[in-house]
Structures are given as C-alpha cells and as structure tokens.
Amino acid sequence: MEMIFDERLGDYVCKAGFIPWSVRAVEPNEDYTLTLMFADGSKRLFDFAPLLEHPCYSSLQSLEAFMRAQALHGTVDWGNDIDIAPEKLYEDSRILP
C-alpha cells in the first residue's frame, strides 16, 4: 500500500487501484437530478427524486438544500453527514453523450 499526499485534502491518503465510480465532479439540477463526472471519464445523469422519500434524505426535499451538492471524497456530499454511495450513483445513472 502506498501513501500519497493529497493537496486538495491537505492530508495523506492510501493510494488504491483505479476506481471507476469515484465522483470527480457534480452539478445538481433543479429537477432533482445530478449530472456527474466519474473517474473513468464518463458523464452520467442520476435521478435523485425517488430517494427524497427516504428519511435520511428528507432534508434535501428543499431545492436550496439539494443544490448544495458537492463532490467530496469520491462521492456526492451535502454536509450534515448526508452523502450517497458512489457505486449507487454509477450503477443507477445513465450515460450522457
């Protein structure tokens, strides 16, 4: 295992193998979808609306809160301990041209 310094995080991290579903960028959309860019270079669209009924995501029913989405540590994060597994984002999204 190799340790590298991640300047963006300001800390040392373990360098792992290539993970295609690691989120590199996210753009939240007003229709509760996420436009995502993944480590494998794919651009995908994820429909978040069905998840808003889950208690852990209920605070994101506010469009203002949803639009705070950011790419952080390889996934999408909204702060306040609200995030989502990047594998789900990758597997349940559709590829954009």
PDB file of N, CA and C in Angstrom:
ATOM      1  N   MET A   1       0.847  -1.166   0.000  1.00  0.00           N
ATOM      2  CA  MET A   1       0.000   0.000   0.000  1.00  0.00           C
ATOM      3  C   MET A   1       0.899   1.236   0.000  1.00  0.00           C
ATOM      4  N   GLU A   2       0.533   2.187  -0.830  1.00  0.00           N
ATOM      5  CA  GLU A   2       1.331   3.405  -0.961  1.00  0.00           C
ATOM      6  C   GLU A   2       0.555   4.590  -0.384  1.00  0.00           C
ATOM      7  N   MET A   3       1.248   5.426   0.371  1.00  0.00           N
ATOM      8  CA  MET A   3       0.643   6.637   0.920  1.00  0.00           C
ATOM      9  C   MET A   3       1.082   7.820   0.062  1.00  0.00           C
ATOM     10  N   ILE A   4       0.122   8.672  -0.300  1.00  0.00           N
ATOM     11  CA  ILE A   4       0.433   9.876  -1.062  1.00  0.00           C
ATOM     12  C   ILE A   4      -0.199  11.070  -0.377  1.00  0.00           C
ATOM     13  N   PHE A   5       0.403  12.231  -0.584  1.00  0.00           N
ATOM     14  CA  PHE A   5      -0.150  13.455  -0.005  1.00  0.00           C
ATOM     15  C   PHE A   5      -1.136  14.048  -0.994  1.00  0.00           C
ATOM     16  N   ASP A   6      -2.383  14.211  -0.566  1.00  0.00           N
ATOM     17  CA  ASP A   6      -3.433  14.812  -1.385  1.00  0.00           C
ATOM     18  C   ASP A   6      -3.513  16.289  -1.025  1.00  0.00           C
ATOM     19  N   GLU A   7      -3.024  17.144  -1.919  1.00  0.00           N
ATOM     20  CA  GLU A   7      -3.003  18.585  -1.637  1.00  0.00           C
ATOM     21  C   GLU A   7      -4.392  19.162  -1.467  1.00  0.00           C
ATOM     22  N   ARG A   8      -5.364  18.622  -2.174  1.00  0.00           N
ATOM     23  CA  ARG A   8      -6.742  19.102  -2.063  1.00  0.00           C
ATOM     24  C   ARG A   8      -7.292  18.863  -0.666  1.00  0.00           C
ATOM     25  N   LEU A   9      -6.961  17.708  -0.087  1.00  0.00           N
ATOM     26  CA  LEU A   9      -7.426  17.369   1.258  1.00  0.00           C
ATOM     27  C   LEU A   9      -6.482  17.874   2.335  1.00  0.00           C
ATOM     28  N   GLY A  10      -5.230  18.130   1.941  1.00  0.00           N
ATOM     29  CA  GLY A  10      -4.235  18.558   2.914  1.00  0.00           C
ATOM     30  C   GLY A  10      -3.850  17.450   3.873  1.00  0.00           C
ATOM     31  N   ASP A  11      -3.866  16.200   3.386  1.00  0.00           N
ATOM     32  CA  ASP A  11      -3.596  15.060   4.254  1.00  0.00           C
ATOM     33  C   ASP A  11      -3.062  13.915   3.407  1.00  0.00           C
ATOM     34  N   TYR A  12      -2.491  12.920   4.078  1.00  0.00           N
ATOM     35  CA  TYR A  12      -2.038  11.714   3.409  1.00  0.00           C
ATOM     36  C   TYR A  12      -3.199  10.739   3.249  1.00  0.00           C
ATOM     37  N   VAL A  13      -3.231  10.081   2.111  1.00  0.00           N
ATOM     38  CA  VAL A  13      -4.268   9.098   1.830  1.00  0.00           C
ATOM     39  C   VAL A  13      -3.611   7.853   1.256  1.00  0.00           C
ATOM     40  N   CYS A  14      -4.303   6.734   1.362  1.00  0.00           N
ATOM     41  CA  CYS A  14      -3.819   5.495   0.769  1.00  0.00           C
ATOM     42  C   CYS A  14      -4.132   5.510  -0.720  1.00  0.00           C
ATOM     43  N   LYS A  15      -3.141   5.209  -1.514  1.00  0.00           N
ATOM     44  CA  LYS A  15      -3.355   5.143  -2.955  1.00  0.00           C
ATOM     45  C   LYS A  15      -3.889   3.753  -3.274  1.00  0.00           C
ATOM     46  N   ALA A  16      -5.083   3.719  -3.793  1.00  0.00           N
ATOM     47  CA  ALA A  16      -5.720   2.443  -4.129  1.00  0.00           C
ATOM     48  C   ALA A  16      -5.692   2.256  -5.638  1.00  0.00           C
ATOM     49  N   GLY A  17      -6.174   1.134  -6.076  1.00  0.00           N
ATOM     50  CA  GLY A  17      -6.295   0.894  -7.504  1.00  0.00           C
ATOM     51  C   GLY A  17      -7.338   1.823  -8.102  1.00  0.00           C
ATOM     52  N   PHE A  18      -7.446   1.792  -9.404  1.00  0.00           N
ATOM     53  CA  PHE A  18      -8.384   2.644 -10.121  1.00  0.00           C
ATOM     54  C   PHE A  18      -9.819   2.276  -9.757  1.00  0.00           C
ATOM     55  N   ILE A  19     -10.590   3.264  -9.360  1.00  0.00           N
ATOM     56  CA  ILE A  19     -11.993   3.047  -9.006  1.00  0.00           C
ATOM     57  C   ILE A  19     -12.834   3.867  -9.979  1.00  0.00           C
ATOM     58  N   PRO A  20     -13.485   3.218 -10.950  1.00  0.00           N
ATOM     59  CA  PRO A  20     -14.202   3.961 -11.996  1.00  0.00           C
ATOM     60  C   PRO A  20     -15.374   4.780 -11.474  1.00  0.00           C
ATOM     61  N   TRP A  21     -15.997   4.357 -10.371  1.00  0.00           N
ATOM     62  CA  TRP A  21     -17.191   5.052  -9.880  1.00  0.00           C
ATOM     63  C   TRP A  21     -16.884   6.193  -8.913  1.00  0.00           C
ATOM     64  N   SER A  22     -15.644   6.560  -8.781  1.00  0.00           N
ATOM     65  CA  SER A  22     -15.283   7.693  -7.935  1.00  0.00           C
ATOM     66  C   SER A  22     -15.766   8.989  -8.607  1.00  0.00           C
ATOM     67  N   VAL A  23     -16.558   9.766  -7.886  1.00  0.00           N
ATOM     68  CA  VAL A  23     -17.122  11.003  -8.433  1.00  0.00           C
ATOM     69  C   VAL A  23     -16.051  12.090  -8.440  1.00  0.00           C
ATOM     70  N   ARG A  24     -15.823  12.681  -9.594  1.00  0.00           N
ATOM     71  CA  ARG A  24     -14.851  13.763  -9.740  1.00  0.00           C
ATOM     72  C   ARG A  24     -15.532  15.134  -9.719  1.00  0.00           C
ATOM     73  N   ALA A  25     -16.772  15.208 -10.225  1.00  0.00           N
ATOM     74  CA  ALA A  25     -17.492  16.486 -10.266  1.00  0.00           C
ATOM     75  C   ALA A  25     -18.989  16.207 -10.264  1.00  0.00           C
ATOM     76  N   VAL A  26     -19.742  17.157  -9.720  1.00  0.00           N
ATOM     77  CA  VAL A  26     -21.195  17.031  -9.695  1.00  0.00           C
ATOM     78  C   VAL A  26     -21.821  18.387  -9.982  1.00  0.00           C
ATOM     79  N   GLU A  27     -22.908  18.342 -10.719  1.00  0.00           N
ATOM     80  CA  GLU A  27     -23.710  19.534 -10.959  1.00  0.00           C
ATOM     81  C   GLU A  27     -25.154  19.184 -10.590  1.00  0.00           C
ATOM     82  N   PRO A  28     -25.672  19.743  -9.487  1.00  0.00           N
ATOM     83  CA  PRO A  28     -27.066  19.480  -9.137  1.00  0.00           C
ATOM     84  C   PRO A  28     -27.984  20.273 -10.071  1.00  0.00           C
ATOM     85  N   ASN A  29     -29.091  19.665 -10.431  1.00  0.00           N
ATOM     86  CA  ASN A  29     -30.052  20.296 -11.331  1.00  0.00           C
ATOM     87  C   ASN A  29     -31.377  20.529 -10.600  1.00  0.00           C
ATOM     88  N   GLU A  30     -32.113  21.531 -11.027  1.00  0.00           N
ATOM     89  CA  GLU A  30     -33.346  21.916 -10.340  1.00  0.00           C
ATOM     90  C   GLU A  30     -34.454  20.872 -10.423  1.00  0.00           C
ATOM     91  N   ASP A  31     -34.294  19.858 -11.256  1.00  0.00           N
ATOM     92  CA  ASP A  31     -35.285  18.780 -11.331  1.00  0.00           C
ATOM     93  C   ASP A  31     -34.888  17.586 -10.453  1.00  0.00           C
ATOM     94  N   TYR A  32     -34.011  17.832  -9.492  1.00  0.00           N
ATOM     95  CA  TYR A  32     -33.522  16.814  -8.549  1.00  0.00           C
ATOM     96  C   TYR A  32     -32.772  15.678  -9.235  1.00  0.00           C
ATOM     97  N   THR A  33     -32.053  16.042 -10.288  1.00  0.00           N
ATOM     98  CA  THR A  33     -31.105  15.108 -10.894  1.00  0.00           C
ATOM     99  C   THR A  33     -29.707  15.639 -10.623  1.00  0.00           C
ATOM    100  N   LEU A  34     -28.745  14.758 -10.786  1.00  0.00           N
ATOM    101  CA  LEU A  34     -27.340  15.118 -10.626  1.00  0.00           C
ATOM    102  C   LEU A  34     -26.607  14.777 -11.915  1.00  0.00           C
ATOM    103  N   THR A  35     -25.891  15.739 -12.470  1.00  0.00           N
ATOM    104  CA  THR A  35     -25.007  15.477 -13.587  1.00  0.00           C
ATOM    105  C   THR A  35     -23.641  15.197 -12.973  1.00  0.00           C
ATOM    106  N   LEU A  36     -23.117  14.014 -13.254  1.00  0.00           N
ATOM    107  CA  LEU A  36     -21.915  13.523 -12.588  1.00  0.00           C
ATOM    108  C   LEU A  36     -20.803  13.242 -13.579  1.00  0.00           C
ATOM    109  N   MET A  37     -19.577  13.524 -13.162  1.00  0.00           N
ATOM    110  CA  MET A  37     -18.396  13.133 -13.922  1.00  0.00           C
ATOM    111  C   MET A  37     -17.629  12.145 -13.048  1.00  0.00           C
ATOM    112  N   PHE A  38     -17.352  10.970 -13.606  1.00  0.00           N
ATOM    113  CA  PHE A  38     -16.697   9.912 -12.853  1.00  0.00           C
ATOM    114  C   PHE A  38     -15.227   9.774 -13.250  1.00  0.00           C
ATOM    115  N   ALA A  39     -14.486   9.048 -12.432  1.00  0.00           N
ATOM    116  CA  ALA A  39     -13.053   8.844 -12.646  1.00  0.00           C
ATOM    117  C   ALA A  39     -12.750   8.166 -13.972  1.00  0.00           C
ATOM    118  N   ASP A  40     -13.674   7.361 -14.478  1.00  0.00           N
ATOM    119  CA  ASP A  40     -13.433   6.693 -15.756  1.00  0.00           C
ATOM    120  C   ASP A  40     -13.688   7.614 -16.947  1.00  0.00           C
ATOM    121  N   GLY A  41     -14.038   8.880 -16.664  1.00  0.00           N
ATOM    122  CA  GLY A  41     -14.269   9.862 -17.723  1.00  0.00           C
ATOM    123  C   GLY A  41     -15.705   9.924 -18.198  1.00  0.00           C
ATOM    124  N   SER A  42     -16.563   9.042 -17.686  1.00  0.00           N
ATOM    125  CA  SER A  42     -17.953   9.063 -18.133  1.00  0.00           C
ATOM    126  C   SER A  42     -18.724  10.198 -17.468  1.00  0.00           C
ATOM    127  N   LYS A  43     -19.665  10.734 -18.231  1.00  0.00           N
ATOM    128  CA  LYS A  43     -20.578  11.761 -17.736  1.00  0.00           C
ATOM    129  C   LYS A  43     -21.946  11.088 -17.668  1.00  0.00           C
ATOM    130  N   ARG A  44     -22.588  11.175 -16.488  1.00  0.00           N
ATOM    131  CA  ARG A  44     -23.824  10.444 -16.284  1.00  0.00           C
ATOM    132  C   ARG A  44     -24.854  11.311 -15.586  1.00  0.00           C
ATOM    133  N   LEU A  45     -26.121  10.904 -15.728  1.00  0.00           N
ATOM    134  CA  LEU A  45     -27.230  11.597 -15.080  1.00  0.00           C
ATOM    135  C   LEU A  45     -27.903  10.649 -14.100  1.00  0.00           C
ATOM    136  N   PHE A  46     -28.027  11.101 -12.855  1.00  0.00           N
ATOM    137  CA  PHE A  46     -28.649  10.305 -11.792  1.00  0.00           C
ATOM    138  C   PHE A  46     -29.914  11.013 -11.325  1.00  0.00           C
ATOM    139  N   ASP A  47     -31.033  10.300 -11.316  1.00  0.00           N
ATOM    140  CA  ASP A  47     -32.304  10.849 -10.844  1.00  0.00           C
ATOM    141  C   ASP A  47     -32.403  10.625  -9.340  1.00  0.00           C
ATOM    142  N   PHE A  48     -32.252  11.692  -8.580  1.00  0.00           N
ATOM    143  CA  PHE A  48     -32.268  11.607  -7.126  1.00  0.00           C
ATOM    144  C   PHE A  48     -33.687  11.654  -6.551  1.00  0.00           C
ATOM    145  N   ALA A  49     -34.671  12.113  -7.320  1.00  0.00           N
ATOM    146  CA  ALA A  49     -36.032  12.343  -6.823  1.00  0.00           C
ATOM    147  C   ALA A  49     -36.628  11.153  -6.066  1.00  0.00           C
ATOM    148  N   PRO A  50     -36.498   9.915  -6.542  1.00  0.00           N
ATOM    149  CA  PRO A  50     -37.094   8.797  -5.791  1.00  0.00           C
ATOM    150  C   PRO A  50     -36.514   8.617  -4.378  1.00  0.00           C
ATOM    151  N   LEU A  51     -35.307   9.083  -4.147  1.00  0.00           N
ATOM    152  CA  LEU A  51     -34.675   8.916  -2.836  1.00  0.00           C
ATOM    153  C   LEU A  51     -35.138   9.948  -1.811  1.00  0.00           C
ATOM    154  N   LEU A  52     -35.800  10.985  -2.261  1.00  0.00           N
ATOM    155  CA  LEU A  52     -36.212  12.058  -1.352  1.00  0.00           C
ATOM    156  C   LEU A  52     -37.215  11.599  -0.307  1.00  0.00           C
ATOM    157  N   GLU A  53     -37.880  10.480  -0.532  1.00  0.00           N
ATOM    158  CA  GLU A  53     -38.853   9.944   0.429  1.00  0.00           C
ATOM    159  C   GLU A  53     -38.177   9.214   1.586  1.00  0.00           C
ATOM    160  N   HIS A  54     -36.919   8.845   1.414  1.00  0.00           N
ATOM    161  CA  HIS A  54     -36.192   8.173   2.489  1.00  0.00           C
ATOM    162  C   HIS A  54     -35.885   9.170   3.596  1.00  0.00           C
ATOM    163  N   PRO A  55     -36.073   8.772   4.843  1.00  0.00           N
ATOM    164  CA  PRO A  55     -35.849   9.695   5.970  1.00  0.00           C
ATOM    165  C   PRO A  55     -34.468  10.345   5.974  1.00  0.00           C
ATOM    166  N   CYS A  56     -33.440   9.608   5.583  1.00  0.00           N
ATOM    167  CA  CYS A  56     -32.094  10.187   5.626  1.00  0.00           C
ATOM    168  C   CYS A  56     -31.897  11.296   4.598  1.00  0.00           C
ATOM    169  N   TYR A  57     -32.744  11.357   3.586  1.00  0.00           N
ATOM    170  CA  TYR A  57     -32.624  12.391   2.558  1.00  0.00           C
ATOM    171  C   TYR A  57     -33.761  13.410   2.596  1.00  0.00           C
ATOM    172  N   SER A  58     -34.632  13.344   3.590  1.00  0.00           N
ATOM    173  CA  SER A  58     -35.804  14.224   3.620  1.00  0.00           C
ATOM    174  C   SER A  58     -35.439  15.708   3.639  1.00  0.00           C
ATOM    175  N   SER A  59     -34.309  16.056   4.249  1.00  0.00           N
ATOM    176  CA  SER A  59     -33.929  17.471   4.284  1.00  0.00           C
ATOM    177  C   SER A  59     -33.565  17.996   2.898  1.00  0.00           C
ATOM    178  N   LEU A  60     -33.293  17.099   1.949  1.00  0.00           N
ATOM    179  CA  LEU A  60     -32.943  17.516   0.593  1.00  0.00           C
ATOM    180  C   LEU A  60     -34.177  17.787  -0.262  1.00  0.00           C
ATOM    181  N   GLN A  61     -35.371  17.621   0.304  1.00  0.00           N
ATOM    182  CA  GLN A  61     -36.591  17.987  -0.417  1.00  0.00           C
ATOM    183  C   GLN A  61     -36.618  19.484  -0.683  1.00  0.00           C
ATOM    184  N   SER A  62     -35.921  20.240   0.135  1.00  0.00           N
ATOM    185  CA  SER A  62     -35.744  21.670  -0.113  1.00  0.00           C
ATOM    186  C   SER A  62     -34.772  21.815  -1.274  1.00  0.00           C
ATOM    187  N   LEU A  63     -35.215  22.463  -2.350  1.00  0.00           N
ATOM    188  CA  LEU A  63     -34.344  22.625  -3.513  1.00  0.00           C
ATOM    189  C   LEU A  63     -33.063  23.361  -3.137  1.00  0.00           C
ATOM    190  N   GLU A  64     -33.165  24.318  -2.253  1.00  0.00           N
ATOM    191  CA  GLU A  64     -31.982  25.062  -1.808  1.00  0.00           C
ATOM    192  C   GLU A  64     -30.953  24.118  -1.184  1.00  0.00           C
ATOM    193  N   ALA A  65     -31.417  23.191  -0.354  1.00  0.00           N
ATOM    194  CA  ALA A  65     -30.512  22.223   0.274  1.00  0.00           C
ATOM    195  C   ALA A  65     -29.944  21.263  -0.771  1.00  0.00           C
ATOM    196  N   PHE A  66     -30.783  20.783  -1.683  1.00  0.00           N
ATOM    197  CA  PHE A  66     -30.328  19.843  -2.709  1.00  0.00           C
ATOM    198  C   PHE A  66     -29.239  20.459  -3.587  1.00  0.00           C
ATOM    199  N   MET A  67     -29.386  21.724  -3.900  1.00  0.00           N
ATOM    200  CA  MET A  67     -28.454  22.406  -4.797  1.00  0.00           C
ATOM    201  C   MET A  67     -27.083  22.640  -4.163  1.00  0.00           C
ATOM    202  N   ARG A  68     -26.918  22.306  -2.895  1.00  0.00           N
ATOM    203  CA  ARG A  68     -25.622  22.426  -2.225  1.00  0.00           C
ATOM    204  C   ARG A  68     -24.718  21.218  -2.464  1.00  0.00           C
ATOM    205  N   ALA A  69     -25.160  20.298  -3.295  1.00  0.00           N
ATOM    206  CA  ALA A  69     -24.372  19.089  -3.570  1.00  0.00           C
ATOM    207  C   ALA A  69     -22.977  19.451  -4.043  1.00  0.00           C
ATOM    208  N   GLN A  70     -22.004  18.703  -3.544  1.00  0.00           N
ATOM    209  CA  GLN A  70     -20.618  18.898  -3.962  1.00  0.00           C
ATOM    210  C   GLN A  70     -19.920  17.545  -4.042  1.00  0.00           C
ATOM    211  N   ALA A  71     -18.930  17.465  -4.907  1.00  0.00           N
ATOM    212  CA  ALA A  71     -18.112  16.255  -4.992  1.00  0.00           C
ATOM    213  C   ALA A  71     -17.085  16.319  -3.869  1.00  0.00           C
ATOM    214  N   LEU A  72     -17.074  15.287  -3.045  1.00  0.00           N
ATOM    215  CA  LEU A  72     -16.164  15.255  -1.898  1.00  0.00           C
ATOM    216  C   LEU A  72     -15.794  13.812  -1.597  1.00  0.00           C
ATOM    217  N   HIS A  73     -14.514  13.536  -1.511  1.00  0.00           N
ATOM    218  CA  HIS A  73     -14.006  12.194  -1.179  1.00  0.00           C
ATOM    219  C   HIS A  73     -14.564  11.110  -2.100  1.00  0.00           C
ATOM    220  N   GLY A  74     -14.732  11.429  -3.379  1.00  0.00           N
ATOM    221  CA  GLY A  74     -15.152  10.425  -4.353  1.00  0.00           C
ATOM    222  C   GLY A  74     -16.638  10.173  -4.433  1.00  0.00           C
ATOM    223  N   THR A  75     -17.430  10.969  -3.743  1.00  0.00           N
ATOM    224  CA  THR A  75     -18.881  10.810  -3.827  1.00  0.00           C
ATOM    225  C   THR A  75     -19.535  12.186  -3.811  1.00  0.00           C
ATOM    226  N   VAL A  76     -20.862  12.209  -3.672  1.00  0.00           N
ATOM    227  CA  VAL A  76     -21.602  13.472  -3.576  1.00  0.00           C
ATOM    228  C   VAL A  76     -21.979  13.674  -2.117  1.00  0.00           C
ATOM    229  N   ASP A  77     -21.756  14.885  -1.639  1.00  0.00           N
ATOM    230  CA  ASP A  77     -21.959  15.207  -0.233  1.00  0.00           C
ATOM    231  C   ASP A  77     -22.754  16.519  -0.134  1.00  0.00           C
ATOM    232  N   TRP A  78     -23.656  16.566   0.840  1.00  0.00           N
ATOM    233  CA  TRP A  78     -24.452  17.767   1.088  1.00  0.00           C
ATOM    234  C   TRP A  78     -24.143  18.373   2.455  1.00  0.00           C
ATOM    235  N   GLY A  79     -23.156  17.870   3.155  1.00  0.00           N
ATOM    236  CA  GLY A  79     -22.878  18.330   4.508  1.00  0.00           C
ATOM    237  C   GLY A  79     -23.846  17.695   5.491  1.00  0.00           C
ATOM    238  N   ASN A  80     -23.686  17.991   6.755  1.00  0.00           N
ATOM    239  CA  ASN A  80     -24.561  17.436   7.799  1.00  0.00           C
ATOM    240  C   ASN A  80     -24.657  15.914   7.729  1.00  0.00           C
ATOM    241  N   ASP A  81     -23.550  15.255   7.374  1.00  0.00           N
ATOM    242  CA  ASP A  81     -23.488  13.788   7.281  1.00  0.00           C
ATOM    243  C   ASP A  81     -24.439  13.201   6.246  1.00  0.00           C
ATOM    244  N   ILE A  82     -24.753  13.951   5.212  1.00  0.00           N
ATOM    245  CA  ILE A  82     -25.618  13.445   4.134  1.00  0.00           C
ATOM    246  C   ILE A  82     -24.762  13.231   2.895  1.00  0.00           C
ATOM    247  N   ASP A  83     -24.666  11.971   2.475  1.00  0.00           N
ATOM    248  CA  ASP A  83     -23.965  11.639   1.242  1.00  0.00           C
ATOM    249  C   ASP A  83     -24.620  10.395   0.651  1.00  0.00           C
ATOM    250  N   ILE A  84     -24.043   9.870  -0.393  1.00  0.00           N
ATOM    251  CA  ILE A  84     -24.606   8.701  -1.065  1.00  0.00           C
ATOM    252  C   ILE A  84     -23.461   7.852  -1.600  1.00  0.00           C
ATOM    253  N   ALA A  85     -23.656   6.554  -1.618  1.00  0.00           N
ATOM    254  CA  ALA A  85     -22.615   5.640  -2.096  1.00  0.00           C
ATOM    255  C   ALA A  85     -22.328   5.909  -3.574  1.00  0.00           C
ATOM    256  N   PRO A  86     -21.062   6.114  -3.921  1.00  0.00           N
ATOM    257  CA  PRO A  86     -20.740   6.396  -5.320  1.00  0.00           C
ATOM    258  C   PRO A  86     -21.066   5.227  -6.252  1.00  0.00           C
ATOM    259  N   GLU A  87     -21.015   4.007  -5.730  1.00  0.00           N
ATOM    260  CA  GLU A  87     -21.369   2.848  -6.552  1.00  0.00           C
ATOM    261  C   GLU A  87     -22.827   2.934  -7.002  1.00  0.00           C
ATOM    262  N   LYS A  88     -23.709   3.373  -6.113  1.00  0.00           N
ATOM    263  CA  LYS A  88     -25.129   3.525  -6.471  1.00  0.00           C
ATOM    264  C   LYS A  88     -25.287   4.586  -7.553  1.00  0.00           C
ATOM    265  N   LEU A  89     -24.584   5.703  -7.388  1.00  0.00           N
ATOM    266  CA  LEU A  89     -24.650   6.768  -8.381  1.00  0.00           C
ATOM    267  C   LEU A  89     -24.231   6.243  -9.750  1.00  0.00           C
ATOM    268  N   TYR A  90     -23.170   5.465  -9.762  1.00  0.00           N
ATOM    269  CA  TYR A  90     -22.622   4.948 -11.024  1.00  0.00           C
ATOM    270  C   TYR A  90     -23.563   3.917 -11.637  1.00  0.00           C
ATOM    271  N   GLU A  91     -23.996   2.961 -10.845  1.00  0.00           N
ATOM    272  CA  GLU A  91     -24.812   1.853 -11.363  1.00  0.00           C
ATOM    273  C   GLU A  91     -26.219   2.280 -11.768  1.00  0.00           C
ATOM    274  N   ASP A  92     -26.788   3.267 -11.070  1.00  0.00           N
ATOM    275  CA  ASP A  92     -28.175   3.654 -11.319  1.00  0.00           C
ATOM    276  C   ASP A  92     -28.309   4.934 -12.141  1.00  0.00           C
ATOM    277  N   SER A  93     -27.244   5.333 -12.803  1.00  0.00           N
ATOM    278  CA  SER A  93     -27.297   6.531 -13.640  1.00  0.00           C
ATOM    279  C   SER A  93     -27.231   6.128 -15.108  1.00  0.00           C
ATOM    280  N   ARG A  94     -27.588   7.083 -15.958  1.00  0.00           N
ATOM    281  CA  ARG A  94     -27.497   6.798 -17.400  1.00  0.00           C
ATOM    282  C   ARG A  94     -26.398   7.657 -18.005  1.00  0.00           C
ATOM    283  N   ILE A  95     -25.708   7.081 -18.953  1.00  0.00           N
ATOM    284  CA  ILE A  95     -24.602   7.766 -19.621  1.00  0.00           C
ATOM    285  C   ILE A  95     -25.135   8.901 -20.483  1.00  0.00           C
ATOM    286  N   LEU A  96     -24.465  10.049 -20.381  1.00  0.00           N
ATOM    287  CA  LEU A  96     -24.794  11.191 -21.231  1.00  0.00           C
ATOM    288  C   LEU A  96     -23.789  11.271 -22.369  1.00  0.00           C
ATOM    289  N   PRO A  97     -24.217  11.826 -23.500  1.00  0.00           N
ATOM    290  CA  PRO A  97     -23.273  11.965 -24.634  1.00  0.00           C
ATOM    291  C   PRO A  97     -22.164  12.953 -24.329  1.00  0.00           C
TER     292      PRO A  97
END
